């Protein structure tokens, strides 16, 4: 996210910028390879922090270059560079010196500090940014996360097919997963992100941080769908309840995040909040039904009814009228 906003503020495309971008991509790959270490028998974050350091050192270099080239906003750029460097040193110290059981208490504090950097740095003089470019980058990220979840679900289905063969339940899980992905794509693009940001630039931070909940919910949903596909035919009782919760909770978080973002971009929509509240009751009822022994696939299909209701409401003109300000 920091890189996206920087790229919108400073549209530099020389060789050094490209190399620094490549360095950030390398850091992201290192992070990905280190994720299993966090959940191993002896958890450690060394690889993940090394990847993050690779990314953030490159980001510091970008802000220092911006400070050199943009005298009017040099103070802001230096604030970004100094804050990122200081926090990155704290991440490294934590990875080296904090015992594994204490990591989960240490790193959330650093995460909150990271999120506080942009509001503080921008007080030195707001950096420029293009609302439609930012909206397009966030939309692309949402689509990528949705696609990754769908690909993971298909991979899980293929694994089950290879070991247990085809079944009606397996087909229904795949269909529900695809339909949920389509519904969430539809719901996200109900909101006029670009035009609204162009008219209300002051909501940029709220919109940007609110979107993080959208991305997290989409990623969690993809994981839940993979678990559902991989465990088809097996979940019963507590296991079925857990699998359904792994899908229902991200759905609810996504809907509430979209309501909050919509309130920041345009206006508070009571109808959308009412739909989300009804869906919360629906999701809770579905999970309770699964705990009582209802068929897993039937419960999974009922979860789809919530997002479908929002799409139907949009087709009826409700959210489109709100999004256009009418």
C-alpha atoms as a PDB file:
ATOM      1  CA  UNK A   1       0.000   0.000   0.000  1.00  0.00           C
ATOM      2  CA  UNK A   2       2.840   2.389   0.827  1.00  0.00           C
ATOM      3  CA  UNK A   3       4.404   1.705  -2.559  1.00  0.00           C
ATOM      4  CA  UNK A   4       1.083   2.265  -4.356  1.00  0.00           C
ATOM      5  CA  UNK A   5       0.596   5.679  -2.805  1.00  0.00           C
ATOM      6  CA  UNK A   6       4.219   6.599  -3.468  1.00  0.00           C
ATOM      7  CA  UNK A   7       3.877   5.599  -7.127  1.00  0.00           C
ATOM      8  CA  UNK A   8       0.796   7.781  -7.443  1.00  0.00           C
ATOM      9  CA  UNK A   9       2.594  10.726  -5.861  1.00  0.00           C
ATOM     10  CA  UNK A  10       5.863  10.370  -7.782  1.00  0.00           C
ATOM     11  CA  UNK A  11       5.444   8.909 -11.254  1.00  0.00           C
ATOM     12  CA  UNK A  12       9.143   8.178 -11.717  1.00  0.00           C
ATOM     13  CA  UNK A  13      10.158   5.473 -14.166  1.00  0.00           C
ATOM     14  CA  UNK A  14      13.946   5.607 -14.447  1.00  0.00           C
ATOM     15  CA  UNK A  15      16.270   2.622 -14.103  1.00  0.00           C
ATOM     16  CA  UNK A  16      16.921   3.139 -10.396  1.00  0.00           C
ATOM     17  CA  UNK A  17      13.197   3.249  -9.639  1.00  0.00           C
ATOM     18  CA  UNK A  18      12.668   0.015 -11.547  1.00  0.00           C
ATOM     19  CA  UNK A  19      15.501  -1.689  -9.694  1.00  0.00           C
ATOM     20  CA  UNK A  20      14.089  -0.547  -6.355  1.00  0.00           C
ATOM     21  CA  UNK A  21      10.694  -1.885  -7.419  1.00  0.00           C
ATOM     22  CA  UNK A  22      12.286  -5.201  -8.323  1.00  0.00           C
ATOM     23  CA  UNK A  23      13.913  -5.253  -4.878  1.00  0.00           C
ATOM     24  CA  UNK A  24      10.500  -4.865  -3.252  1.00  0.00           C
ATOM     25  CA  UNK A  25       9.154  -7.758  -5.333  1.00  0.00           C
ATOM     26  CA  UNK A  26      12.095  -9.866  -4.175  1.00  0.00           C
ATOM     27  CA  UNK A  27      11.300  -8.960  -0.573  1.00  0.00           C
ATOM     28  CA  UNK A  28       7.690 -10.062  -1.036  1.00  0.00           C
ATOM     29  CA  UNK A  29       8.879 -13.419  -2.379  1.00  0.00           C
ATOM     30  CA  UNK A  30      11.160 -13.866   0.634  1.00  0.00           C
ATOM     31  CA  UNK A  31       8.214 -13.154   2.931  1.00  0.00           C
ATOM     32  CA  UNK A  32       6.151 -15.796   1.144  1.00  0.00           C
ATOM     33  CA  UNK A  33       8.835 -18.440   1.586  1.00  0.00           C
ATOM     34  CA  UNK A  34       9.075 -17.668   5.308  1.00  0.00           C
ATOM     35  CA  UNK A  35       5.380 -17.853   6.179  1.00  0.00           C
ATOM     36  CA  UNK A  36       5.455 -21.605   7.010  1.00  0.00           C
ATOM     37  CA  UNK A  37       8.175 -20.878   9.596  1.00  0.00           C
ATOM     38  CA  UNK A  38       5.702 -18.803  11.619  1.00  0.00           C
ATOM     39  CA  UNK A  39       3.411 -21.810  12.092  1.00  0.00           C
ATOM     40  CA  UNK A  40       6.032 -24.522  12.544  1.00  0.00           C
ATOM     41  CA  UNK A  41       6.771 -26.500  15.721  1.00  0.00           C
ATOM     42  CA  UNK A  42       9.339 -23.861  16.708  1.00  0.00           C
ATOM     43  CA  UNK A  43       7.892 -20.646  15.245  1.00  0.00           C
ATOM     44  CA  UNK A  44      10.261 -17.920  14.157  1.00  0.00           C
ATOM     45  CA  UNK A  45       9.877 -14.827  12.001  1.00  0.00           C
ATOM     46  CA  UNK A  46      13.449 -14.449  10.797  1.00  0.00           C
ATOM     47  CA  UNK A  47      12.775 -15.097   7.109  1.00  0.00           C
ATOM     48  CA  UNK A  48       9.630 -12.988   7.034  1.00  0.00           C
ATOM     49  CA  UNK A  49      11.366 -10.057   8.717  1.00  0.00           C
ATOM     50  CA  UNK A  50      14.319 -10.391   6.319  1.00  0.00           C
ATOM     51  CA  UNK A  51      11.916 -10.149   3.387  1.00  0.00           C
ATOM     52  CA  UNK A  52      10.140  -7.192   4.944  1.00  0.00           C
ATOM     53  CA  UNK A  53      13.473  -5.473   5.564  1.00  0.00           C
ATOM     54  CA  UNK A  54      14.359  -5.965   1.902  1.00  0.00           C
ATOM     55  CA  UNK A  55      11.121  -4.274   0.896  1.00  0.00           C
ATOM     56  CA  UNK A  56      11.346  -1.420   3.362  1.00  0.00           C
ATOM     57  CA  UNK A  57      14.989  -0.562   2.741  1.00  0.00           C
ATOM     58  CA  UNK A  58      14.027  -0.073  -0.902  1.00  0.00           C
ATOM     59  CA  UNK A  59      11.088   2.086   0.211  1.00  0.00           C
ATOM     60  CA  UNK A  60      13.406   4.264   2.306  1.00  0.00           C
ATOM     61  CA  UNK A  61      15.616   4.744  -0.734  1.00  0.00           C
ATOM     62  CA  UNK A  62      12.586   5.829  -2.779  1.00  0.00           C
ATOM     63  CA  UNK A  63      11.555   8.416  -0.220  1.00  0.00           C
ATOM     64  CA  UNK A  64      15.106   9.767   0.014  1.00  0.00           C
ATOM     65  CA  UNK A  65      15.202  10.154  -3.758  1.00  0.00           C
ATOM     66  CA  UNK A  66      11.850  11.953  -3.600  1.00  0.00           C
ATOM     67  CA  UNK A  67      13.188  14.253  -0.874  1.00  0.00           C
ATOM     68  CA  UNK A  68      16.099  15.150  -3.136  1.00  0.00           C
ATOM     69  CA  UNK A  69      13.866  15.885  -6.112  1.00  0.00           C
ATOM     70  CA  UNK A  70      10.857  17.534  -4.429  1.00  0.00           C
ATOM     71  CA  UNK A  71      12.061  20.465  -2.351  1.00  0.00           C
ATOM     72  CA  UNK A  72       8.517  21.605  -1.530  1.00  0.00           C
ATOM     73  CA  UNK A  73       7.712  18.311   0.196  1.00  0.00           C
ATOM     74  CA  UNK A  74      11.180  17.390   1.402  1.00  0.00           C
ATOM     75  CA  UNK A  75      10.089  17.423   5.033  1.00  0.00           C
ATOM     76  CA  UNK A  76       7.305  14.925   4.351  1.00  0.00           C
ATOM     77  CA  UNK A  77       9.568  12.621   2.360  1.00  0.00           C
ATOM     78  CA  UNK A  78      12.221  12.675   5.089  1.00  0.00           C
ATOM     79  CA  UNK A  79       9.566  11.901   7.697  1.00  0.00           C
ATOM     80  CA  UNK A  80       8.562   8.834   5.725  1.00  0.00           C
ATOM     81  CA  UNK A  81      12.161   7.713   5.237  1.00  0.00           C
ATOM     82  CA  UNK A  82      13.170   8.191   8.873  1.00  0.00           C
ATOM     83  CA  UNK A  83      10.027   6.550  10.289  1.00  0.00           C
ATOM     84  CA  UNK A  84      10.253   3.510   8.026  1.00  0.00           C
ATOM     85  CA  UNK A  85      13.948   3.062   8.795  1.00  0.00           C
ATOM     86  CA  UNK A  86      13.408   3.347  12.546  1.00  0.00           C
ATOM     87  CA  UNK A  87      10.508   0.902  12.558  1.00  0.00           C
ATOM     88  CA  UNK A  88      12.386  -1.532  10.372  1.00  0.00           C
ATOM     89  CA  UNK A  89      15.215  -1.561  12.886  1.00  0.00           C
ATOM     90  CA  UNK A  90      12.621  -2.397  15.548  1.00  0.00           C
ATOM     91  CA  UNK A  91      11.287  -5.282  13.432  1.00  0.00           C
ATOM     92  CA  UNK A  92      14.799  -6.694  13.115  1.00  0.00           C
ATOM     93  CA  UNK A  93      15.508  -6.316  16.833  1.00  0.00           C
ATOM     94  CA  UNK A  94      12.263  -8.096  17.550  1.00  0.00           C
ATOM     95  CA  UNK A  95      13.087 -10.966  15.234  1.00  0.00           C
ATOM     96  CA  UNK A  96      16.509 -11.386  16.838  1.00  0.00           C
ATOM     97  CA  UNK A  97      15.820 -10.697  20.480  1.00  0.00           C
ATOM     98  CA  UNK A  98      12.198 -11.395  21.372  1.00  0.00           C
ATOM     99  CA  UNK A  99      11.374 -14.954  22.504  1.00  0.00           C
ATOM    100  CA  UNK A 100       8.944 -16.751  20.190  1.00  0.00           C
ATOM    101  CA  UNK A 101       6.046 -16.821  22.715  1.00  0.00           C
ATOM    102  CA  UNK A 102       6.231 -13.022  23.000  1.00  0.00           C
ATOM    103  CA  UNK A 103       6.271 -12.298  19.270  1.00  0.00           C
ATOM    104  CA  UNK A 104       2.500 -12.032  18.979  1.00  0.00           C
ATOM    105  CA  UNK A 105       2.489  -9.328  21.657  1.00  0.00           C
ATOM    106  CA  UNK A 106       5.431  -7.438  20.169  1.00  0.00           C
ATOM    107  CA  UNK A 107       4.604  -7.297  16.479  1.00  0.00           C
ATOM    108  CA  UNK A 108       1.047  -5.888  16.725  1.00  0.00           C
ATOM    109  CA  UNK A 109       2.543  -2.826  18.397  1.00  0.00           C
ATOM    110  CA  UNK A 110       4.903  -2.374  15.462  1.00  0.00           C
ATOM    111  CA  UNK A 111       2.020  -2.869  13.060  1.00  0.00           C
ATOM    112  CA  UNK A 112       0.085  -0.047  14.718  1.00  0.00           C
ATOM    113  CA  UNK A 113       3.169   2.126  14.554  1.00  0.00           C
ATOM    114  CA  UNK A 114       3.537   1.386  10.830  1.00  0.00           C
ATOM    115  CA  UNK A 115      -0.079   2.419  10.235  1.00  0.00           C
ATOM    116  CA  UNK A 116       0.539   5.677  12.103  1.00  0.00           C
ATOM    117  CA  UNK A 117       3.414   6.717   9.818  1.00  0.00           C
ATOM    118  CA  UNK A 118       1.410   8.129   6.848  1.00  0.00           C
ATOM    119  CA  UNK A 119      -0.909  10.380   8.945  1.00  0.00           C
ATOM    120  CA  UNK A 120       2.109  11.736  10.825  1.00  0.00           C
ATOM    121  CA  UNK A 121       4.347  12.143   7.780  1.00  0.00           C
ATOM    122  CA  UNK A 122       1.669  13.878   5.726  1.00  0.00           C
ATOM    123  CA  UNK A 123       1.439  16.629   8.335  1.00  0.00           C
ATOM    124  CA  UNK A 124       4.723  17.882   6.968  1.00  0.00           C
ATOM    125  CA  UNK A 125       2.973  18.665   3.676  1.00  0.00           C
ATOM    126  CA  UNK A 126       0.562  16.394   1.829  1.00  0.00           C
ATOM    127  CA  UNK A 127       2.006  14.435  -1.081  1.00  0.00           C
ATOM    128  CA  UNK A 128       0.112  14.586  -4.404  1.00  0.00           C
ATOM    129  CA  UNK A 129      -1.842  11.562  -5.590  1.00  0.00           C
ATOM    130  CA  UNK A 130      -4.242  10.673  -8.378  1.00  0.00           C
ATOM    131  CA  UNK A 131      -7.643   9.439  -7.083  1.00  0.00           C
ATOM    132  CA  UNK A 132      -8.503   7.357 -10.128  1.00  0.00           C
ATOM    133  CA  UNK A 133      -5.046   5.771 -10.197  1.00  0.00           C
ATOM    134  CA  UNK A 134      -5.288   4.837  -6.520  1.00  0.00           C
ATOM    135  CA  UNK A 135      -8.799   3.443  -6.961  1.00  0.00           C
ATOM    136  CA  UNK A 136      -7.634   1.418  -9.965  1.00  0.00           C
ATOM    137  CA  UNK A 137      -4.671  -0.049  -8.031  1.00  0.00           C
ATOM    138  CA  UNK A 138      -6.859  -1.028  -5.087  1.00  0.00           C
ATOM    139  CA  UNK A 139      -9.450  -2.532  -7.418  1.00  0.00           C
ATOM    140  CA  UNK A 140      -6.747  -4.550  -9.152  1.00  0.00           C
ATOM    141  CA  UNK A 141      -5.542  -5.835  -5.793  1.00  0.00           C
ATOM    142  CA  UNK A 142      -9.085  -6.868  -4.822  1.00  0.00           C
ATOM    143  CA  UNK A 143      -9.440  -8.778  -8.098  1.00  0.00           C
ATOM    144  CA  UNK A 144      -6.081 -10.484  -7.593  1.00  0.00           C
ATOM    145  CA  UNK A 145      -7.025 -11.613  -4.084  1.00  0.00           C
ATOM    146  CA  UNK A 146     -10.389 -12.891  -5.323  1.00  0.00           C
ATOM    147  CA  UNK A 147      -8.651 -14.767  -8.123  1.00  0.00           C
ATOM    148  CA  UNK A 148      -6.103 -16.321  -5.779  1.00  0.00           C
ATOM    149  CA  UNK A 149      -8.917 -17.629  -3.590  1.00  0.00           C
ATOM    150  CA  UNK A 150     -10.682 -19.104  -6.579  1.00  0.00           C
ATOM    151  CA  UNK A 151      -7.493 -20.739  -7.863  1.00  0.00           C
ATOM    152  CA  UNK A 152      -6.849 -22.225  -4.428  1.00  0.00           C
ATOM    153  CA  UNK A 153     -10.375 -23.624  -4.290  1.00  0.00           C
ATOM    154  CA  UNK A 154      -9.963 -25.231  -7.703  1.00  0.00           C
ATOM    155  CA  UNK A 155      -6.639 -26.753  -6.602  1.00  0.00           C
ATOM    156  CA  UNK A 156      -8.303 -28.221  -3.501  1.00  0.00           C
ATOM    157  CA  UNK A 157     -11.115 -29.641  -5.648  1.00  0.00           C
ATOM    158  CA  UNK A 158      -8.584 -31.197  -7.998  1.00  0.00           C
ATOM    159  CA  UNK A 159      -6.828 -32.816  -5.041  1.00  0.00           C
ATOM    160  CA  UNK A 160     -10.086 -34.327  -3.790  1.00  0.00           C
ATOM    161  CA  UNK A 161     -10.942 -35.505  -7.302  1.00  0.00           C
ATOM    162  CA  UNK A 162      -7.618 -37.285  -7.569  1.00  0.00           C
ATOM    163  CA  UNK A 163      -8.123 -39.177  -4.312  1.00  0.00           C
ATOM    164  CA  UNK A 164     -11.867 -39.639  -3.916  1.00  0.00           C
ATOM    165  CA  UNK A 165     -13.390 -39.003  -7.338  1.00  0.00           C
ATOM    166  CA  UNK A 166     -16.276 -36.826  -8.375  1.00  0.00           C
ATOM    167  CA  UNK A 167     -19.322 -36.226  -6.175  1.00  0.00           C
ATOM    168  CA  UNK A 168     -22.357 -33.953  -6.176  1.00  0.00           C
ATOM    169  CA  UNK A 169     -21.213 -32.312  -2.956  1.00  0.00           C
ATOM    170  CA  UNK A 170     -17.855 -31.500  -4.502  1.00  0.00           C
ATOM    171  CA  UNK A 171     -19.540 -29.876  -7.473  1.00  0.00           C
ATOM    172  CA  UNK A 172     -21.790 -27.832  -5.188  1.00  0.00           C
ATOM    173  CA  UNK A 173     -18.830 -26.592  -3.170  1.00  0.00           C
ATOM    174  CA  UNK A 174     -17.096 -25.486  -6.356  1.00  0.00           C
ATOM    175  CA  UNK A 175     -20.250 -23.778  -7.595  1.00  0.00           C
ATOM    176  CA  UNK A 176     -20.836 -21.958  -4.319  1.00  0.00           C
ATOM    177  CA  UNK A 177     -17.204 -20.840  -4.235  1.00  0.00           C
ATOM    178  CA  UNK A 178     -17.421 -19.419  -7.741  1.00  0.00           C
ATOM    179  CA  UNK A 179     -20.756 -17.726  -7.005  1.00  0.00           C
ATOM    180  CA  UNK A 180     -19.444 -16.163  -3.788  1.00  0.00           C
ATOM    181  CA  UNK A 181     -16.408 -14.838  -5.638  1.00  0.00           C
ATOM    182  CA  UNK A 182     -18.633 -13.309  -8.300  1.00  0.00           C
ATOM    183  CA  UNK A 183     -20.931 -11.718  -5.703  1.00  0.00           C
ATOM    184  CA  UNK A 184     -18.076 -10.134  -3.767  1.00  0.00           C
ATOM    185  CA  UNK A 185     -16.576  -8.794  -6.991  1.00  0.00           C
ATOM    186  CA  UNK A 186     -19.973  -7.255  -7.802  1.00  0.00           C
ATOM    187  CA  UNK A 187     -20.408  -5.775  -4.326  1.00  0.00           C
ATOM    188  CA  UNK A 188     -16.943  -4.199  -4.256  1.00  0.00           C
ATOM    189  CA  UNK A 189     -17.531  -2.394  -7.542  1.00  0.00           C
ATOM    190  CA  UNK A 190     -20.890  -1.011  -6.490  1.00  0.00           C
ATOM    191  CA  UNK A 191     -18.964   1.817  -4.825  1.00  0.00           C
ATOM    192  CA  UNK A 192     -17.692   4.653  -7.083  1.00  0.00           C
ATOM    193  CA  UNK A 193     -14.186   4.628  -5.617  1.00  0.00           C
ATOM    194  CA  UNK A 194     -12.398   6.841  -8.151  1.00  0.00           C
ATOM    195  CA  UNK A 195     -15.041   9.563  -8.696  1.00  0.00           C
ATOM    196  CA  UNK A 196     -15.818   9.764  -4.971  1.00  0.00           C
ATOM    197  CA  UNK A 197     -12.139  10.123  -4.048  1.00  0.00           C
ATOM    198  CA  UNK A 198     -11.780  12.873  -6.632  1.00  0.00           C
ATOM    199  CA  UNK A 199     -14.584  14.806  -4.934  1.00  0.00           C
ATOM    200  CA  UNK A 200     -13.659  13.980  -1.321  1.00  0.00           C
ATOM    201  CA  UNK A 201      -9.887  13.765  -1.140  1.00  0.00           C
ATOM    202  CA  UNK A 202      -9.964  14.237   2.617  1.00  0.00           C
ATOM    203  CA  UNK A 203     -11.267  10.693   3.150  1.00  0.00           C
ATOM    204  CA  UNK A 204      -8.206   9.110   1.520  1.00  0.00           C
ATOM    205  CA  UNK A 205      -6.712   7.678   4.721  1.00  0.00           C
ATOM    206  CA  UNK A 206     -10.031   6.292   5.962  1.00  0.00           C
ATOM    207  CA  UNK A 207     -10.685   4.739   2.569  1.00  0.00           C
ATOM    208  CA  UNK A 208      -7.175   3.340   2.294  1.00  0.00           C
ATOM    209  CA  UNK A 209      -7.106   1.771   5.741  1.00  0.00           C
ATOM    210  CA  UNK A 210     -10.716   0.581   5.458  1.00  0.00           C
ATOM    211  CA  UNK A 211      -9.820  -1.220   2.255  1.00  0.00           C
ATOM    212  CA  UNK A 212      -7.253  -3.263   4.195  1.00  0.00           C
ATOM    213  CA  UNK A 213     -10.174  -5.001   5.932  1.00  0.00           C
ATOM    214  CA  UNK A 214     -11.666  -5.757   2.519  1.00  0.00           C
ATOM    215  CA  UNK A 215      -8.448  -7.361   1.302  1.00  0.00           C
ATOM    216  CA  UNK A 216      -7.968  -9.330   4.521  1.00  0.00           C
ATOM    217  CA  UNK A 217     -11.553 -10.610   4.375  1.00  0.00           C
ATOM    218  CA  UNK A 218     -11.179 -11.671   0.740  1.00  0.00           C
ATOM    219  CA  UNK A 219      -7.941 -13.519   1.500  1.00  0.00           C
ATOM    220  CA  UNK A 220      -9.502 -15.229   4.525  1.00  0.00           C
ATOM    221  CA  UNK A 221     -12.540 -16.214   2.471  1.00  0.00           C
ATOM    222  CA  UNK A 222     -10.306 -17.808  -0.146  1.00  0.00           C
ATOM    223  CA  UNK A 223      -8.618 -19.846   2.580  1.00  0.00           C
ATOM    224  CA  UNK A 224     -12.000 -20.873   3.985  1.00  0.00           C
ATOM    225  CA  UNK A 225     -13.215 -22.031   0.584  1.00  0.00           C
ATOM    226  CA  UNK A 226     -10.038 -24.073   0.124  1.00  0.00           C
ATOM    227  CA  UNK A 227     -10.613 -25.762   3.484  1.00  0.00           C
ATOM    228  CA  UNK A 228     -14.239 -26.441   2.541  1.00  0.00           C
ATOM    229  CA  UNK A 229     -13.254 -28.000  -0.782  1.00  0.00           C
ATOM    230  CA  UNK A 230     -10.432 -30.026   0.725  1.00  0.00           C
ATOM    231  CA  UNK A 231     -12.587 -31.447   3.510  1.00  0.00           C
ATOM    232  CA  UNK A 232     -15.697 -32.268   1.489  1.00  0.00           C
ATOM    233  CA  UNK A 233     -17.440 -35.363   2.774  1.00  0.00           C
ATOM    234  CA  UNK A 234     -15.616 -35.183   6.096  1.00  0.00           C
ATOM    235  CA  UNK A 235     -16.839 -32.158   8.079  1.00  0.00           C
ATOM    236  CA  UNK A 236     -19.380 -33.046  10.735  1.00  0.00           C
ATOM    237  CA  UNK A 237     -20.346 -31.474  14.032  1.00  0.00           C
ATOM    238  CA  UNK A 238     -17.649 -29.152  15.364  1.00  0.00           C
ATOM    239  CA  UNK A 239     -15.515 -29.561  12.244  1.00  0.00           C
ATOM    240  CA  UNK A 240     -18.375 -28.472   9.961  1.00  0.00           C
ATOM    241  CA  UNK A 241     -19.124 -25.534  12.242  1.00  0.00           C
ATOM    242  CA  UNK A 242     -15.514 -24.403  12.118  1.00  0.00           C
ATOM    243  CA  UNK A 243     -15.278 -24.675   8.320  1.00  0.00           C
ATOM    244  CA  UNK A 244     -18.481 -22.679   7.853  1.00  0.00           C
ATOM    245  CA  UNK A 245     -17.246 -20.052  10.304  1.00  0.00           C
ATOM    246  CA  UNK A 246     -14.058 -19.716   8.232  1.00  0.00           C
ATOM    247  CA  UNK A 247     -16.324 -18.618   5.374  1.00  0.00           C
ATOM    248  CA  UNK A 248     -19.083 -16.749   7.208  1.00  0.00           C
ATOM    249  CA  UNK A 249     -16.857 -14.485   9.305  1.00  0.00           C
ATOM    250  CA  UNK A 250     -14.857 -13.142   6.320  1.00  0.00           C
ATOM    251  CA  UNK A 251     -18.124 -12.576   4.437  1.00  0.00           C
ATOM    252  CA  UNK A 252     -19.473 -10.478   7.283  1.00  0.00           C
ATOM    253  CA  UNK A 253     -16.227  -8.530   7.691  1.00  0.00           C
ATOM    254  CA  UNK A 254     -16.218  -7.815   3.955  1.00  0.00           C
ATOM    255  CA  UNK A 255     -19.795  -6.548   3.997  1.00  0.00           C
ATOM    256  CA  UNK A 256     -19.251  -4.317   7.023  1.00  0.00           C
ATOM    257  CA  UNK A 257     -16.022  -2.940   5.542  1.00  0.00           C
ATOM    258  CA  UNK A 258     -17.854  -2.070   2.329  1.00  0.00           C
ATOM    259  CA  UNK A 259     -20.570  -0.305   4.338  1.00  0.00           C
ATOM    260  CA  UNK A 260     -17.929   1.726   6.203  1.00  0.00           C
ATOM    261  CA  UNK A 261     -16.051   2.591   3.002  1.00  0.00           C
ATOM    262  CA  UNK A 262     -19.285   3.598   1.322  1.00  0.00           C
ATOM    263  CA  UNK A 263     -20.106   5.887   4.237  1.00  0.00           C
ATOM    264  CA  UNK A 264     -16.731   7.593   3.855  1.00  0.00           C
ATOM    265  CA  UNK A 265     -16.946   7.903   0.067  1.00  0.00           C
ATOM    266  CA  UNK A 266     -20.556   8.964  -0.397  1.00  0.00           C
ATOM    267  CA  UNK A 267     -23.005   8.797   2.497  1.00  0.00           C
ATOM    268  CA  UNK A 268     -24.085   6.427   5.217  1.00  0.00           C
ATOM    269  CA  UNK A 269     -26.512   3.878   3.754  1.00  0.00           C
ATOM    270  CA  UNK A 270     -28.967   2.474   6.283  1.00  0.00           C
ATOM    271  CA  UNK A 271     -30.280  -0.052   3.774  1.00  0.00           C
ATOM    272  CA  UNK A 272     -26.803  -1.516   3.264  1.00  0.00           C
ATOM    273  CA  UNK A 273     -26.213  -1.687   7.001  1.00  0.00           C
ATOM    274  CA  UNK A 274     -29.600  -3.375   7.456  1.00  0.00           C
ATOM    275  CA  UNK A 275     -28.662  -5.948   4.814  1.00  0.00           C
ATOM    276  CA  UNK A 276     -25.362  -6.615   6.573  1.00  0.00           C
ATOM    277  CA  UNK A 277     -27.180  -7.009   9.903  1.00  0.00           C
ATOM    278  CA  UNK A 278     -29.646  -9.461   8.353  1.00  0.00           C
ATOM    279  CA  UNK A 279     -26.752 -11.392   6.866  1.00  0.00           C
ATOM    280  CA  UNK A 280     -25.061 -11.523  10.267  1.00  0.00           C
ATOM    281  CA  UNK A 281     -28.195 -13.195  11.635  1.00  0.00           C
ATOM    282  CA  UNK A 282     -28.299 -15.515   8.633  1.00  0.00           C
ATOM    283  CA  UNK A 283     -24.655 -16.517   9.013  1.00  0.00           C
ATOM    284  CA  UNK A 284     -25.093 -17.114  12.732  1.00  0.00           C
ATOM    285  CA  UNK A 285     -28.149 -19.250  12.071  1.00  0.00           C
ATOM    286  CA  UNK A 286     -26.314 -21.288   9.447  1.00  0.00           C
ATOM    287  CA  UNK A 287     -23.419 -21.987  11.806  1.00  0.00           C
ATOM    288  CA  UNK A 288     -25.867 -22.955  14.553  1.00  0.00           C
ATOM    289  CA  UNK A 289     -27.672 -25.285  12.154  1.00  0.00           C
ATOM    290  CA  UNK A 290     -24.395 -26.948  11.219  1.00  0.00           C
ATOM    291  CA  UNK A 291     -23.570 -27.410  14.889  1.00  0.00           C
ATOM    292  CA  UNK A 292     -26.984 -29.059  15.313  1.00  0.00           C
ATOM    293  CA  UNK A 293     -26.197 -31.549  12.543  1.00  0.00           C
ATOM    294  CA  UNK A 294     -27.579 -29.955   9.366  1.00  0.00           C
ATOM    295  CA  UNK A 295     -25.901 -31.146   6.133  1.00  0.00           C
ATOM    296  CA  UNK A 296     -22.685 -29.266   5.470  1.00  0.00           C
ATOM    297  CA  UNK A 297     -23.317 -28.535   1.781  1.00  0.00           C
ATOM    298  CA  UNK A 298     -26.830 -27.244   2.496  1.00  0.00           C
ATOM    299  CA  UNK A 299     -25.420 -24.843   5.082  1.00  0.00           C
ATOM    300  CA  UNK A 300     -22.743 -23.706   2.668  1.00  0.00           C
ATOM    301  CA  UNK A 301     -25.388 -22.953   0.054  1.00  0.00           C
ATOM    302  CA  UNK A 302     -27.350 -20.874   2.570  1.00  0.00           C
ATOM    303  CA  UNK A 303     -24.290 -18.691   3.166  1.00  0.00           C
ATOM    304  CA  UNK A 304     -24.510 -17.685  -0.486  1.00  0.00           C
ATOM    305  CA  UNK A 305     -27.977 -16.215   0.069  1.00  0.00           C
ATOM    306  CA  UNK A 306     -26.550 -13.197   1.944  1.00  0.00           C
ATOM    307  CA  UNK A 307     -24.270 -11.832  -0.801  1.00  0.00           C
ATOM    308  CA  UNK A 308     -26.912 -12.695  -3.413  1.00  0.00           C
ATOM    309  CA  UNK A 309     -29.390 -10.489  -1.546  1.00  0.00           C
ATOM    310  CA  UNK A 310     -27.007  -7.524  -1.791  1.00  0.00           C
ATOM    311  CA  UNK A 311     -26.523  -8.114  -5.521  1.00  0.00           C
ATOM    312  CA  UNK A 312     -30.301  -8.332  -5.985  1.00  0.00           C
ATOM    313  CA  UNK A 313     -30.707  -5.073  -4.062  1.00  0.00           C
ATOM    314  CA  UNK A 314     -28.189  -3.419  -6.347  1.00  0.00           C
ATOM    315  CA  UNK A 315     -29.971  -4.736  -9.432  1.00  0.00           C
ATOM    316  CA  UNK A 316     -33.109  -3.138  -8.037  1.00  0.00           C
ATOM    317  CA  UNK A 317     -31.330   0.205  -8.086  1.00  0.00           C
ATOM    318  CA  UNK A 318     -30.798   0.754  -4.354  1.00  0.00           C
ATOM    319  CA  UNK A 319     -27.041   0.952  -4.093  1.00  0.00           C
ATOM    320  CA  UNK A 320     -26.602   2.387  -7.586  1.00  0.00           C
ATOM    321  CA  UNK A 321     -28.755   5.363  -6.616  1.00  0.00           C
ATOM    322  CA  UNK A 322     -26.759   5.843  -3.430  1.00  0.00           C
ATOM    323  CA  UNK A 323     -23.440   5.545  -5.269  1.00  0.00           C
ATOM    324  CA  UNK A 324     -24.464   8.231  -7.759  1.00  0.00           C
ATOM    325  CA  UNK A 325     -25.674  10.522  -4.977  1.00  0.00           C
ATOM    326  CA  UNK A 326     -29.351  10.358  -5.928  1.00  0.00           C
END
